[in-house]
Amino acid sequence: MTPKMEPLLWASAHHSMGLAYVDRVDGGRTSNLKQAVACYSRALKVRMREASPQLWASTTWTMMEALQSGEEWAEALERARALQAFGGGWQRWDEVAADLVTRVAELERELPRPPAPRANNQPLPGVDEGVPDV
């Protein structure tokens, strides 16, 4: 089976393999999650938002879960925001909307924040005196 011969069946097989890798008990958890994400990525080459919006959303959701479990915060957040943008177009939206809001908040907390810039990078008198630069 190839993506050219049976594209939706091929994508479905890769989506199912991704689910199997997420649940796999043999091997390392990190490796299994990476394999799952790779399977979902292959499925999304066919399950595109424009062509198969419901299948795209389903695969994007499971990919986001695997990325979050694998602590790939930025990529998981990117997927979560894509799902939020799709919103009510997804038939399962009512089931997942609240969970998605929670996940986005969790992912945003996990991302490192850049230090707040100071106007001139000079020490603040009476505040930064004697404090080593970080």
Protein backbone atom coordinates (compact mmCIF):
# COMPACT_ATOMS: atom_id res chain seq x y z
CA MET A 1 0.00 0.00 0.00
CA THR A 2 1.28 3.46 -0.90
CA PRO A 3 -0.04 6.96 -0.41
CA LYS A 4 -0.58 7.22 -4.18
CA MET A 5 -2.60 4.00 -4.48
CA GLU A 6 -4.82 4.33 -1.38
CA PRO A 7 -4.05 7.67 0.28
CA LEU A 8 -6.76 7.65 2.96
CA LEU A 9 -6.17 4.01 3.85
CA TRP A 10 -2.41 4.64 3.99
CA ALA A 11 -2.93 7.66 6.26
CA SER A 12 -5.32 5.70 8.46
CA ALA A 13 -2.71 2.96 8.85
CA HIS A 14 -0.10 5.50 9.93
CA HIS A 15 -2.53 7.15 12.34
CA SER A 16 -3.24 3.71 13.85
CA MET A 17 0.49 2.94 14.10
CA GLY A 18 0.92 6.23 15.96
CA LEU A 19 -1.75 5.18 18.44
CA ALA A 20 -0.01 1.84 18.89
CA TYR A 21 3.35 3.51 19.57
CA VAL A 22 1.80 5.77 22.20
CA ASP A 23 0.44 2.71 24.03
CA ARG A 24 3.49 0.52 23.45
CA VAL A 25 5.07 -0.85 26.61
CA ASP A 26 8.22 -2.30 24.99
CA GLY A 27 11.08 0.05 24.35
CA GLY A 28 11.71 3.47 25.80
CA ARG A 29 8.82 5.86 26.31
CA THR A 30 10.62 8.74 24.61
CA SER A 31 11.49 6.63 21.58
CA ASN A 32 7.93 5.34 21.30
CA LEU A 33 6.51 8.87 21.46
CA LYS A 34 8.93 10.03 18.75
CA GLN A 35 7.84 7.11 16.57
CA ALA A 36 4.20 8.01 17.21
CA VAL A 37 4.80 11.62 16.18
CA ALA A 38 6.57 10.42 13.02
CA CYS A 39 3.56 8.23 12.17
CA TYR A 40 1.14 11.11 12.74
CA SER A 41 3.31 13.38 10.59
CA ARG A 42 3.12 10.90 7.73
CA ALA A 43 -0.65 10.62 8.14
CA LEU A 44 -1.00 14.41 8.06
CA LYS A 45 0.63 14.50 4.63
CA VAL A 46 -2.63 13.03 3.36
CA ARG A 47 -5.03 14.10 6.10
CA MET A 48 -4.72 17.76 5.26
CA ARG A 49 -7.04 20.31 6.82
CA GLU A 50 -8.47 21.46 3.50
CA ALA A 51 -9.03 17.97 2.05
CA SER A 52 -10.05 15.97 5.14
CA PRO A 53 -10.78 18.42 7.96
CA GLN A 54 -12.24 15.90 10.44
CA LEU A 55 -9.40 13.41 9.93
CA TRP A 56 -6.87 16.26 10.09
CA ALA A 57 -8.28 17.40 13.44
CA SER A 58 -8.29 13.88 14.86
CA THR A 59 -4.69 13.22 13.86
CA THR A 60 -3.57 16.68 14.95
CA TRP A 61 -5.16 16.07 18.38
CA THR A 62 -3.41 12.74 18.91
CA MET A 63 -0.14 14.22 17.68
CA MET A 64 -0.50 17.11 20.14
CA GLU A 65 -1.07 14.63 22.97
CA ALA A 66 2.05 12.65 22.01
CA LEU A 67 4.13 15.83 21.73
CA GLN A 68 2.91 17.02 25.11
CA SER A 69 3.67 13.64 26.70
CA GLY A 70 7.14 13.80 25.16
CA GLU A 71 7.65 17.30 26.57
CA GLU A 72 7.89 18.85 23.12
CA TRP A 73 6.09 21.91 24.43
CA ALA A 74 6.50 24.36 21.54
CA GLU A 75 5.41 21.93 18.84
CA ALA A 76 2.52 20.67 20.97
CA LEU A 77 1.39 24.26 21.52
CA GLU A 78 1.56 24.93 17.79
CA ARG A 79 -0.74 21.96 17.16
CA ALA A 80 -3.09 23.00 19.97
CA ARG A 81 -3.40 26.50 18.55
CA ALA A 82 -4.12 25.08 15.09
CA LEU A 83 -6.97 23.08 16.63
CA GLN A 84 -8.25 26.16 18.43
CA ALA A 85 -8.25 28.07 15.15
CA PHE A 86 -10.23 25.24 13.53
CA GLY A 87 -12.62 25.28 16.48
CA GLY A 88 -16.25 24.55 15.76
CA GLY A 89 -15.37 23.09 12.37
CA TRP A 90 -14.42 19.90 14.18
CA GLN A 91 -17.32 17.57 14.90
CA ARG A 92 -15.77 16.65 18.28
CA TRP A 93 -15.25 20.30 19.26
CA ASP A 94 -17.85 20.24 22.04
CA GLU A 95 -16.08 17.21 23.57
CA VAL A 96 -12.56 18.65 23.48
CA ALA A 97 -12.84 22.44 23.68
CA ALA A 98 -12.47 22.72 27.48
CA ASP A 99 -9.62 20.18 27.55
CA LEU A 100 -7.86 22.06 24.78
CA VAL A 101 -8.04 25.36 26.70
CA THR A 102 -6.46 23.62 29.70
CA ARG A 103 -3.74 22.05 27.55
CA VAL A 104 -2.88 25.37 25.92
CA ALA A 105 -2.51 26.97 29.35
CA GLU A 106 -0.30 24.09 30.55
CA LEU A 107 1.86 24.27 27.43
CA GLU A 108 2.26 28.03 27.69
CA ARG A 109 3.45 27.62 31.29
CA GLU A 110 6.05 25.06 30.18
CA LEU A 111 7.63 27.27 27.55
CA PRO A 112 10.62 29.29 28.72
CA ARG A 113 10.05 33.01 28.93
CA PRO A 114 12.72 35.38 27.69
CA PRO A 115 14.03 37.81 30.28
CA ALA A 116 12.26 41.14 30.33
CA PRO A 117 14.37 43.72 28.51
CA ARG A 118 15.58 46.81 30.31
CA ALA A 119 15.62 50.09 28.47
CA ASN A 120 19.37 50.63 28.62
CA ASN A 121 20.70 47.49 30.33
CA GLN A 122 22.18 49.64 33.07
CA PRO A 123 21.87 48.59 36.72
CA LEU A 124 19.03 50.21 38.58
CA PRO A 125 20.41 52.41 41.37
CA GLY A 126 19.56 51.10 44.79
CA VAL A 127 18.16 47.89 43.30
CA ASP A 128 20.88 46.16 41.30
CA GLU A 129 23.91 47.39 43.25
CA GLY A 130 26.05 44.51 44.34
CA VAL A 131 23.94 41.98 42.42
CA PRO A 132 25.99 39.96 39.95
CA ASP A 133 24.87 39.90 36.31
CA VAL A 134 22.94 36.79 35.38
